[in-house]
Amino acid sequence: MIKFIVPAVIIFLIILYWDKINEIIYKKFNIRINYLLLTAASLLILAIYLLIKN
């Protein structure tokens, strides 16, 4: 039961404090995490597509 509750709470807290997390990362590394996640998701989809195609 705990193995389902703990990840759910962690995901909930990340969603709840997303703006603060994004702001902290932008101040430290001068990059928006939204763009980083969008790029990573597109590369992952492209890799899956290429693996399925071959």
PDB file of N, CA and C in Angstrom:
ATOM      1  N   MET A   1       0.827  -1.199   0.000  1.00  0.00           N
ATOM      2  CA  MET A   1       0.000   0.000   0.000  1.00  0.00           C
ATOM      3  C   MET A   1       0.867   1.257   0.000  1.00  0.00           C
ATOM      4  N   ILE A   2       1.964   1.204   0.765  1.00  0.00           N
ATOM      5  CA  ILE A   2       2.847   2.376   0.856  1.00  0.00           C
ATOM      6  C   ILE A   2       3.526   2.653  -0.488  1.00  0.00           C
ATOM      7  N   LYS A   3       3.819   1.584  -1.236  1.00  0.00           N
ATOM      8  CA  LYS A   3       4.504   1.790  -2.518  1.00  0.00           C
ATOM      9  C   LYS A   3       3.626   2.521  -3.533  1.00  0.00           C
ATOM     10  N   PHE A   4       2.320   2.617  -3.283  1.00  0.00           N
ATOM     11  CA  PHE A   4       1.443   3.395  -4.148  1.00  0.00           C
ATOM     12  C   PHE A   4       1.208   4.802  -3.600  1.00  0.00           C
ATOM     13  N   ILE A   5       1.201   4.937  -2.297  1.00  0.00           N
ATOM     14  CA  ILE A   5       0.897   6.224  -1.670  1.00  0.00           C
ATOM     15  C   ILE A   5       2.070   7.189  -1.768  1.00  0.00           C
ATOM     16  N   VAL A   6       3.276   6.718  -1.511  1.00  0.00           N
ATOM     17  CA  VAL A   6       4.452   7.598  -1.505  1.00  0.00           C
ATOM     18  C   VAL A   6       4.696   8.238  -2.881  1.00  0.00           C
ATOM     19  N   PRO A   7       4.706   7.484  -3.981  1.00  0.00           N
ATOM     20  CA  PRO A   7       4.877   8.154  -5.288  1.00  0.00           C
ATOM     21  C   PRO A   7       3.740   9.116  -5.617  1.00  0.00           C
ATOM     22  N   ALA A   8       2.521   8.771  -5.207  1.00  0.00           N
ATOM     23  CA  ALA A   8       1.386   9.659  -5.469  1.00  0.00           C
ATOM     24  C   ALA A   8       1.555  10.976  -4.721  1.00  0.00           C
ATOM     25  N   VAL A   9       2.035  10.916  -3.490  1.00  0.00           N
ATOM     26  CA  VAL A   9       2.261  12.133  -2.702  1.00  0.00           C
ATOM     27  C   VAL A   9       3.395  12.948  -3.308  1.00  0.00           C
ATOM     28  N   ILE A  10       4.447  12.287  -3.756  1.00  0.00           N
ATOM     29  CA  ILE A  10       5.579  12.995  -4.367  1.00  0.00           C
ATOM     30  C   ILE A  10       5.143  13.696  -5.651  1.00  0.00           C
ATOM     31  N   ILE A  11       4.391  13.005  -6.492  1.00  0.00           N
ATOM     32  CA  ILE A  11       3.903  13.619  -7.729  1.00  0.00           C
ATOM     33  C   ILE A  11       2.972  14.782  -7.428  1.00  0.00           C
ATOM     34  N   PHE A  12       2.115  14.624  -6.416  1.00  0.00           N
ATOM     35  CA  PHE A  12       1.208  15.700  -6.020  1.00  0.00           C
ATOM     36  C   PHE A  12       1.983  16.932  -5.559  1.00  0.00           C
ATOM     37  N   LEU A  13       3.045  16.732  -4.771  1.00  0.00           N
ATOM     38  CA  LEU A  13       3.840  17.862  -4.293  1.00  0.00           C
ATOM     39  C   LEU A  13       4.596  18.537  -5.433  1.00  0.00           C
ATOM     40  N   ILE A  14       5.083  17.761  -6.393  1.00  0.00           N
ATOM     41  CA  ILE A  14       5.763  18.353  -7.558  1.00  0.00           C
ATOM     42  C   ILE A  14       4.792  19.211  -8.351  1.00  0.00           C
ATOM     43  N   ILE A  15       3.581  18.719  -8.544  1.00  0.00           N
ATOM     44  CA  ILE A  15       2.577  19.492  -9.280  1.00  0.00           C
ATOM     45  C   ILE A  15       2.193  20.748  -8.504  1.00  0.00           C
ATOM     46  N   LEU A  16       2.071  20.611  -7.191  1.00  0.00           N
ATOM     47  CA  LEU A  16       1.661  21.729  -6.346  1.00  0.00           C
ATOM     48  C   LEU A  16       2.699  22.852  -6.345  1.00  0.00           C
ATOM     49  N   TYR A  17       3.979  22.485  -6.302  1.00  0.00           N
ATOM     50  CA  TYR A  17       5.054  23.482  -6.214  1.00  0.00           C
ATOM     51  C   TYR A  17       5.827  23.637  -7.519  1.00  0.00           C
ATOM     52  N   TRP A  18       5.200  23.360  -8.663  1.00  0.00           N
ATOM     53  CA  TRP A  18       5.885  23.407  -9.948  1.00  0.00           C
ATOM     54  C   TRP A  18       6.471  24.786 -10.240  1.00  0.00           C
ATOM     55  N   ASP A  19       5.733  25.855  -9.958  1.00  0.00           N
ATOM     56  CA  ASP A  19       6.235  27.200 -10.248  1.00  0.00           C
ATOM     57  C   ASP A  19       7.475  27.526  -9.431  1.00  0.00           C
ATOM     58  N   LYS A  20       7.489  27.157  -8.167  1.00  0.00           N
ATOM     59  CA  LYS A  20       8.661  27.424  -7.326  1.00  0.00           C
ATOM     60  C   LYS A  20       9.862  26.612  -7.790  1.00  0.00           C
ATOM     61  N   ILE A  21       9.640  25.350  -8.149  1.00  0.00           N
ATOM     62  CA  ILE A  21      10.726  24.500  -8.644  1.00  0.00           C
ATOM     63  C   ILE A  21      11.280  25.080  -9.941  1.00  0.00           C
ATOM     64  N   ASN A  22      10.395  25.490 -10.827  1.00  0.00           N
ATOM     65  CA  ASN A  22      10.801  26.065 -12.106  1.00  0.00           C
ATOM     66  C   ASN A  22      11.609  27.348 -11.890  1.00  0.00           C
ATOM     67  N   GLU A  23      11.178  28.168 -10.956  1.00  0.00           N
ATOM     68  CA  GLU A  23      11.869  29.427 -10.671  1.00  0.00           C
ATOM     69  C   GLU A  23      13.261  29.188 -10.087  1.00  0.00           C
ATOM     70  N   ILE A  24      13.398  28.239  -9.187  1.00  0.00           N
ATOM     71  CA  ILE A  24      14.697  27.924  -8.572  1.00  0.00           C
ATOM     72  C   ILE A  24      15.675  27.415  -9.629  1.00  0.00           C
ATOM     73  N   ILE A  25      15.204  26.514 -10.499  1.00  0.00           N
ATOM     74  CA  ILE A  25      16.083  25.979 -11.546  1.00  0.00           C
ATOM     75  C   ILE A  25      16.463  27.061 -12.544  1.00  0.00           C
ATOM     76  N   TYR A  26      15.527  27.981 -12.839  1.00  0.00           N
ATOM     77  CA  TYR A  26      15.841  29.067 -13.765  1.00  0.00           C
ATOM     78  C   TYR A  26      16.907  29.993 -13.173  1.00  0.00           C
ATOM     79  N   LYS A  27      16.836  30.265 -11.872  1.00  0.00           N
ATOM     80  CA  LYS A  27      17.836  31.130 -11.247  1.00  0.00           C
ATOM     81  C   LYS A  27      19.204  30.473 -11.207  1.00  0.00           C
ATOM     82  N   LYS A  28      19.263  29.157 -10.966  1.00  0.00           N
ATOM     83  CA  LYS A  28      20.553  28.471 -10.865  1.00  0.00           C
ATOM     84  C   LYS A  28      21.197  28.223 -12.221  1.00  0.00           C
ATOM     85  N   PHE A  29      20.409  27.707 -13.184  1.00  0.00           N
ATOM     86  CA  PHE A  29      20.985  27.261 -14.453  1.00  0.00           C
ATOM     87  C   PHE A  29      20.594  28.121 -15.646  1.00  0.00           C
ATOM     88  N   ASN A  30      19.738  29.117 -15.437  1.00  0.00           N
ATOM     89  CA  ASN A  30      19.294  30.036 -16.487  1.00  0.00           C
ATOM     90  C   ASN A  30      18.632  29.302 -17.654  1.00  0.00           C
ATOM     91  N   ILE A  31      17.831  28.300 -17.325  1.00  0.00           N
ATOM     92  CA  ILE A  31      17.076  27.569 -18.343  1.00  0.00           C
ATOM     93  C   ILE A  31      15.724  27.203 -17.753  1.00  0.00           C
ATOM     94  N   ARG A  32      14.704  27.328 -18.571  1.00  0.00           N
ATOM     95  CA  ARG A  32      13.357  26.972 -18.124  1.00  0.00           C
ATOM     96  C   ARG A  32      13.195  25.459 -18.189  1.00  0.00           C
ATOM     97  N   ILE A  33      12.726  24.865 -17.121  1.00  0.00           N
ATOM     98  CA  ILE A  33      12.561  23.420 -17.075  1.00  0.00           C
ATOM     99  C   ILE A  33      11.462  22.967 -18.026  1.00  0.00           C
ATOM    100  N   ASN A  34      10.515  23.847 -18.344  1.00  0.00           N
ATOM    101  CA  ASN A  34       9.451  23.482 -19.288  1.00  0.00           C
ATOM    102  C   ASN A  34      10.035  23.170 -20.659  1.00  0.00           C
ATOM    103  N   TYR A  35      10.985  23.986 -21.115  1.00  0.00           N
ATOM    104  CA  TYR A  35      11.616  23.750 -22.405  1.00  0.00           C
ATOM    105  C   TYR A  35      12.453  22.471 -22.375  1.00  0.00           C
ATOM    106  N   LEU A  36      13.110  22.242 -21.254  1.00  0.00           N
ATOM    107  CA  LEU A  36      13.928  21.045 -21.103  1.00  0.00           C
ATOM    108  C   LEU A  36      13.063  19.791 -21.167  1.00  0.00           C
ATOM    109  N   LEU A  37      11.934  19.790 -20.478  1.00  0.00           N
ATOM    110  CA  LEU A  37      11.033  18.638 -20.496  1.00  0.00           C
ATOM    111  C   LEU A  37      10.405  18.440 -21.873  1.00  0.00           C
ATOM    112  N   LEU A  38      10.071  19.526 -22.542  1.00  0.00           N
ATOM    113  CA  LEU A  38       9.502  19.433 -23.885  1.00  0.00           C
ATOM    114  C   LEU A  38      10.510  18.829 -24.860  1.00  0.00           C
ATOM    115  N   THR A  39      11.756  19.243 -24.755  1.00  0.00           N
ATOM    116  CA  THR A  39      12.801  18.697 -25.617  1.00  0.00           C
ATOM    117  C   THR A  39      13.033  17.215 -25.328  1.00  0.00           C
ATOM    118  N   ALA A  40      13.079  16.856 -24.053  1.00  0.00           N
ATOM    119  CA  ALA A  40      13.288  15.455 -23.686  1.00  0.00           C
ATOM    120  C   ALA A  40      12.131  14.582 -24.153  1.00  0.00           C
ATOM    121  N   ALA A  41      10.917  15.070 -24.032  1.00  0.00           N
ATOM    122  CA  ALA A  41       9.747  14.302 -24.474  1.00  0.00           C
ATOM    123  C   ALA A  41       9.765  14.119 -25.988  1.00  0.00           C
ATOM    124  N   SER A  42      10.132  15.182 -26.727  1.00  0.00           N
ATOM    125  CA  SER A  42      10.179  15.044 -28.186  1.00  0.00           C
ATOM    126  C   SER A  42      11.265  14.065 -28.618  1.00  0.00           C
ATOM    127  N   LEU A  43      12.415  14.091 -27.965  1.00  0.00           N
ATOM    128  CA  LEU A  43      13.475  13.142 -28.305  1.00  0.00           C
ATOM    129  C   LEU A  43      13.058  11.716 -27.977  1.00  0.00           C
ATOM    130  N   LEU A  44      12.358  11.523 -26.878  1.00  0.00           N
ATOM    131  CA  LEU A  44      11.881  10.194 -26.508  1.00  0.00           C
ATOM    132  C   LEU A  44      10.865   9.674 -27.520  1.00  0.00           C
ATOM    133  N   ILE A  45       9.954  10.516 -27.943  1.00  0.00           N
ATOM    134  CA  ILE A  45       8.958  10.108 -28.942  1.00  0.00           C
ATOM    135  C   ILE A  45       9.637   9.802 -30.270  1.00  0.00           C
ATOM    136  N   LEU A  46      10.625  10.607 -30.646  1.00  0.00           N
ATOM    137  CA  LEU A  46      11.360  10.364 -31.886  1.00  0.00           C
ATOM    138  C   LEU A  46      12.114   9.036 -31.822  1.00  0.00           C
ATOM    139  N   ALA A  47      12.747   8.747 -30.687  1.00  0.00           N
ATOM    140  CA  ALA A  47      13.483   7.487 -30.531  1.00  0.00           C
ATOM    141  C   ALA A  47      12.537   6.289 -30.606  1.00  0.00           C
ATOM    142  N   ILE A  48      11.392   6.384 -29.967  1.00  0.00           N
ATOM    143  CA  ILE A  48      10.411   5.290 -30.028  1.00  0.00           C
ATOM    144  C   ILE A  48       9.913   5.097 -31.447  1.00  0.00           C
ATOM    145  N   TYR A  49       9.642   6.194 -32.137  1.00  0.00           N
ATOM    146  CA  TYR A  49       9.188   6.114 -33.524  1.00  0.00           C
ATOM    147  C   TYR A  49      10.229   5.426 -34.405  1.00  0.00           C
ATOM    148  N   LEU A  50      11.496   5.811 -34.239  1.00  0.00           N
ATOM    149  CA  LEU A  50      12.552   5.219 -35.061  1.00  0.00           C
ATOM    150  C   LEU A  50      12.755   3.738 -34.728  1.00  0.00           C
ATOM    151  N   LEU A  51      12.586   3.356 -33.476  1.00  0.00           N
ATOM    152  CA  LEU A  51      12.721   1.952 -33.111  1.00  0.00           C
ATOM    153  C   LEU A  51      11.572   1.128 -33.665  1.00  0.00           C
ATOM    154  N   ILE A  52      10.380   1.691 -33.688  1.00  0.00           N
ATOM    155  CA  ILE A  52       9.227   0.966 -34.217  1.00  0.00           C
ATOM    156  C   ILE A  52       9.321   0.850 -35.742  1.00  0.00           C
ATOM    157  N   LYS A  53       9.820   1.900 -36.383  1.00  0.00           N
ATOM    158  CA  LYS A  53       9.895   1.930 -37.840  1.00  0.00           C
ATOM    159  C   LYS A  53      10.854   0.855 -38.358  1.00  0.00           C
ATOM    160  N   ASN A  54      11.955   0.652 -37.653  1.00  0.00           N
ATOM    161  CA  ASN A  54      12.955  -0.324 -38.129  1.00  0.00           C
ATOM    162  C   ASN A  54      12.550  -1.641 -37.636  1.00  0.00           C
TER     163      ASN A  54
END
